[in-house]
Each structure stands twice: as C-alpha cells, then as structure tokens.
Amino acid sequence: MNTEHGSEVAHLLAQIDMEYQAASGSLTGYTPTARHDYITARHRNIDACRKQLIPLVGQSQATELVAATIWTDFDATQTSQTTKG
C-alpha cells in the first residue's frame, strides 16, 4: 500500500467497517428486523468505498482489504455469539 494515501485508506476502511456493522447489527442485534433496502444501502456504500480504494491501492488489494475488514467483523461476531450461547 502506498503510504502517501494511508490516512485516506484508513478512513475508507473505517467507513466500510461501520457500514458492515450497521448491516450485520440490524440482523443480529436485539431486534433483528432490518428492511431489505436498509441492508442493500449499506452494501452499496461498502462497494462505493471499495471503488474509492482502487485508485489508491489497486483493484486486487482493494478487494482484499474489504474482505479482510468484513471477515474480521464476521469472525468477531461469531466468537461473541458462541461465548454467549
């Protein structure tokens, strides 16, 4: 990753994280009753961030960064659910 764009990349990854948390929280939170259009909007926002990452880090790394961010959140959610159960 080009360090010249590091803070912009970090900002986009934080935005992706927030969008994913919002989408998944609406399904796994206290009242899992999310509307389809709400979740779709969150996923569109994630893709918009991915597209903004492409000129900064390249297409392949942009996809890898998004996947790593989402899977980190997914793994954390799964771990917390199994420890509660």
Protein backbone atom coordinates (compact mmCIF):
# COMPACT_ATOMS: atom_id res chain seq x y z
CA MET A 1 0.00 0.00 0.00
CA ASN A 2 1.23 3.47 -0.82
CA THR A 3 1.86 5.26 2.50
CA GLU A 4 1.08 8.60 0.85
CA HIS A 5 -2.59 7.61 0.87
CA GLY A 6 -2.53 5.76 4.20
CA SER A 7 -4.91 8.02 6.10
CA GLU A 8 -7.42 8.04 3.24
CA VAL A 9 -7.24 4.25 3.05
CA ALA A 10 -7.69 4.01 6.83
CA HIS A 11 -10.71 6.33 6.62
CA LEU A 12 -12.31 4.24 3.88
CA LEU A 13 -11.69 1.00 5.80
CA ALA A 14 -13.24 2.55 8.91
CA GLN A 15 -16.27 3.55 6.81
CA ILE A 16 -16.52 0.00 5.44
CA ASP A 17 -16.35 -1.34 8.98
CA MET A 18 -19.16 0.98 10.13
CA GLU A 19 -21.35 0.09 7.16
CA TYR A 20 -20.84 -3.62 7.73
CA GLN A 21 -21.52 -3.27 11.45
CA ALA A 22 -24.75 -1.41 10.67
CA ALA A 23 -25.90 -4.05 8.19
CA SER A 24 -24.99 -7.05 10.31
CA GLY A 25 -26.18 -5.44 13.53
CA SER A 26 -29.60 -5.00 12.02
CA LEU A 27 -29.75 -8.76 11.53
CA THR A 28 -28.10 -9.97 14.72
CA GLY A 29 -28.91 -7.22 17.21
CA TYR A 30 -31.55 -7.16 19.90
CA THR A 31 -34.38 -6.87 17.38
CA PRO A 32 -33.31 -8.47 14.08
CA THR A 33 -35.87 -6.78 11.85
CA ALA A 34 -33.95 -4.94 9.15
CA ARG A 35 -35.58 -3.86 5.96
CA HIS A 36 -34.04 -5.20 2.79
CA ASP A 37 -33.49 -1.70 1.38
CA TYR A 38 -31.53 -0.68 4.50
CA ILE A 39 -29.15 -3.63 4.18
CA THR A 40 -28.84 -3.11 0.43
CA ALA A 41 -27.90 0.54 1.00
CA ARG A 42 -25.16 -0.50 3.46
CA HIS A 43 -23.74 -2.94 0.91
CA ARG A 44 -23.83 -0.30 -1.81
CA ASN A 45 -21.93 2.06 0.48
CA ILE A 46 -19.32 -0.64 1.09
CA ASP A 47 -18.91 -1.08 -2.67
CA ALA A 48 -18.59 2.68 -3.15
CA CYS A 49 -15.76 2.71 -0.62
CA ARG A 50 -14.13 -0.23 -2.39
CA LYS A 51 -14.26 1.70 -5.66
CA GLN A 52 -12.60 4.68 -3.95
CA LEU A 53 -9.84 2.37 -2.70
CA ILE A 54 -8.97 1.11 -6.19
CA PRO A 55 -7.02 4.18 -7.37
CA LEU A 56 -5.19 4.27 -4.04
CA VAL A 57 -4.10 0.63 -3.68
CA GLY A 58 -5.12 -1.19 -6.86
CA GLN A 59 -8.13 -3.38 -7.58
CA SER A 60 -6.80 -6.61 -6.13
CA GLN A 61 -5.63 -5.10 -2.85
CA ALA A 62 -8.83 -3.05 -2.53
CA THR A 63 -10.86 -6.25 -2.70
CA GLU A 64 -8.52 -7.97 -0.24
CA LEU A 65 -8.77 -5.08 2.23
CA VAL A 66 -12.57 -5.05 2.08
CA ALA A 67 -12.73 -8.81 2.54
CA ALA A 68 -10.30 -8.69 5.47
CA THR A 69 -12.34 -5.94 7.13
CA ILE A 70 -15.62 -7.78 6.71
CA TRP A 71 -14.23 -11.17 7.75
CA THR A 72 -12.63 -9.66 10.84
CA ASP A 73 -16.04 -8.30 11.83
CA PHE A 74 -17.74 -11.59 10.95
CA ASP A 75 -15.26 -13.62 13.00
CA ALA A 76 -15.67 -11.29 15.99
CA THR A 77 -19.47 -11.60 15.75
CA GLN A 78 -19.32 -15.39 15.56
CA THR A 79 -16.96 -15.59 18.53
CA SER A 80 -19.15 -13.38 20.69
CA GLN A 81 -22.26 -15.36 19.78
CA THR A 82 -20.67 -18.71 20.67
CA THR A 83 -19.44 -17.43 24.03
CA LYS A 84 -22.94 -16.15 24.89
CA GLY A 85 -24.67 -19.37 23.91
